[in-house]
Amino acid sequence: MSERVKKLLTVYAVVAAVLGAYAVVVLGFHISIPCVFRLITGLKCPGCGNTGFVINAAHFRFGEALRSNYMFIPEMLYVGYAAGHASVTYLRTGNADFMIKPGWLNIAFLVLFLGWWVVRNIAGL
């Protein structure tokens, strides 16, 4: 196995371990990381509700999960695409490139993300 593959698998293993540990803490002890943006401003950030989405989905309450944060699925699709792009680029070249191509995809996601932030705070979602 090449050195790059080993390093990439190590990174993914560490990320999975951290997320798994966080899941154990949240589900077992009902303690989660508070949103600093919300603590300071009183407004929900575009990612507020992501933990609630995962908890509800883990309990097969998909309607509640979706209501926790309607943007969760597009966020995870974007993050997955970015991680995949960076991984493939790293395996090919040895350098991780986190700038997703095509560039319009970044702009479209940013507009969607910021639009969701405005809508959720105006509509109270």
Protein backbone atom coordinates (compact mmCIF):
# COMPACT_ATOMS: atom_id res chain seq x y z
CA MET A 1 0.00 0.00 0.00
CA SER A 2 1.43 3.37 -0.92
CA GLU A 3 2.44 5.90 1.70
CA ARG A 4 -0.23 8.37 0.52
CA VAL A 5 -3.00 5.80 0.90
CA LYS A 6 -1.80 4.98 4.43
CA LYS A 7 -1.74 8.67 5.39
CA LEU A 8 -5.18 9.27 3.91
CA LEU A 9 -6.66 6.25 5.69
CA THR A 10 -5.08 7.49 8.94
CA VAL A 11 -6.73 10.89 8.51
CA TYR A 12 -10.11 9.28 7.84
CA ALA A 13 -9.67 6.93 10.82
CA VAL A 14 -8.88 9.85 13.15
CA VAL A 15 -11.89 11.81 11.88
CA ALA A 16 -14.14 8.76 12.33
CA ALA A 17 -12.77 8.19 15.86
CA VAL A 18 -13.36 11.82 16.87
CA LEU A 19 -16.89 11.79 15.44
CA GLY A 20 -17.57 8.44 17.12
CA ALA A 21 -16.33 9.74 20.48
CA TYR A 22 -18.49 12.85 20.08
CA ALA A 23 -21.50 10.63 19.29
CA VAL A 24 -20.89 8.60 22.45
CA VAL A 25 -20.71 11.77 24.55
CA VAL A 26 -23.83 13.28 22.97
CA LEU A 27 -25.94 10.13 23.02
CA GLY A 28 -24.64 8.77 26.32
CA PHE A 29 -24.30 11.93 28.39
CA HIS A 30 -26.55 14.38 26.51
CA ILE A 31 -23.71 16.91 26.27
CA SER A 32 -23.02 18.66 22.98
CA ILE A 33 -20.87 21.49 21.73
CA PRO A 34 -22.89 24.72 21.87
CA CYS A 35 -22.97 27.04 18.87
CA VAL A 36 -20.68 29.94 19.74
CA PHE A 37 -22.32 32.14 17.08
CA ARG A 38 -25.74 31.57 18.65
CA LEU A 39 -24.42 32.18 22.18
CA ILE A 40 -23.01 35.54 21.09
CA THR A 41 -25.72 36.78 18.71
CA GLY A 42 -28.86 34.85 19.63
CA LEU A 43 -29.24 33.93 15.95
CA LYS A 44 -28.99 30.42 14.52
CA CYS A 45 -26.01 29.82 12.26
CA PRO A 46 -26.53 27.74 9.09
CA GLY A 47 -25.16 24.68 10.92
CA CYS A 48 -27.27 24.98 14.07
CA GLY A 49 -29.23 21.78 14.42
CA ASN A 50 -26.68 19.44 12.83
CA THR A 51 -26.24 17.48 16.06
CA GLY A 52 -30.02 17.31 16.46
CA PHE A 53 -30.30 16.04 12.89
CA VAL A 54 -27.85 13.20 13.56
CA ILE A 55 -29.45 12.27 16.90
CA ASN A 56 -32.95 12.19 15.43
CA ALA A 57 -31.81 10.27 12.34
CA ALA A 58 -30.03 7.75 14.59
CA HIS A 59 -33.38 7.17 16.32
CA PHE A 60 -35.15 6.88 12.93
CA ARG A 61 -37.10 10.11 13.49
CA PHE A 62 -36.42 11.45 10.01
CA GLY A 63 -39.07 14.17 10.03
CA GLU A 64 -37.67 15.61 13.25
CA ALA A 65 -34.16 15.22 11.88
CA LEU A 66 -35.03 17.26 8.81
CA ARG A 67 -36.72 19.94 10.93
CA SER A 68 -33.56 20.17 13.07
CA ASN A 69 -31.67 21.57 10.08
CA TYR A 70 -33.01 21.45 6.54
CA MET A 71 -29.52 22.33 5.27
CA PHE A 72 -27.82 19.26 6.79
CA ILE A 73 -28.09 17.03 3.71
CA PRO A 74 -26.75 19.66 1.26
CA GLU A 75 -23.97 20.44 3.76
CA MET A 76 -22.93 16.79 3.98
CA LEU A 77 -23.09 16.35 0.20
CA TYR A 78 -20.80 19.37 -0.21
CA VAL A 79 -18.40 18.20 2.52
CA GLY A 80 -18.35 14.70 1.03
CA TYR A 81 -17.61 16.05 -2.43
CA ALA A 82 -14.88 18.32 -1.02
CA ALA A 83 -13.31 15.45 0.93
CA GLY A 84 -13.47 13.18 -2.09
CA HIS A 85 -11.95 15.84 -4.34
CA ALA A 86 -9.16 16.56 -1.84
CA SER A 87 -8.50 12.85 -1.34
CA VAL A 88 -8.25 12.07 -5.04
CA THR A 89 -6.05 15.10 -5.63
CA TYR A 90 -3.79 14.07 -2.74
CA LEU A 91 -3.51 10.50 -3.99
CA ARG A 92 -2.63 11.70 -7.51
CA THR A 93 -0.31 14.60 -6.70
CA GLY A 94 0.69 14.43 -3.04
CA ASN A 95 -0.97 17.81 -2.37
CA ALA A 96 -4.47 18.23 -0.95
CA ASP A 97 -6.48 20.80 -2.88
CA PHE A 98 -9.58 21.87 -0.97
CA MET A 99 -10.75 24.31 -3.64
CA ILE A 100 -13.57 22.41 -5.28
CA LYS A 101 -13.80 22.49 -9.01
CA PRO A 102 -15.82 23.67 -10.82
CA GLY A 103 -15.61 27.00 -8.99
CA TRP A 104 -19.29 27.84 -9.55
CA LEU A 105 -20.15 24.98 -7.20
CA ASN A 106 -18.44 26.81 -4.32
CA ILE A 107 -20.31 30.01 -5.11
CA ALA A 108 -23.64 28.19 -5.47
CA PHE A 109 -23.16 26.44 -2.13
CA LEU A 110 -22.13 29.69 -0.42
CA VAL A 111 -25.25 31.46 -1.75
CA LEU A 112 -27.43 28.54 -0.63
CA PHE A 113 -25.72 28.43 2.78
CA LEU A 114 -26.05 32.18 3.42
CA GLY A 115 -29.60 32.20 2.04
CA TRP A 116 -30.54 29.45 4.49
CA TRP A 117 -28.98 31.44 7.34
CA VAL A 118 -31.14 34.48 6.50
CA VAL A 119 -34.33 32.48 5.90
CA ARG A 120 -34.06 30.40 9.07
CA ASN A 121 -33.63 33.49 11.24
CA ILE A 122 -36.42 35.45 9.57
CA ALA A 123 -38.87 32.56 9.41
CA GLY A 124 -37.79 31.16 12.78
CA LEU A 125 -36.91 27.70 11.44
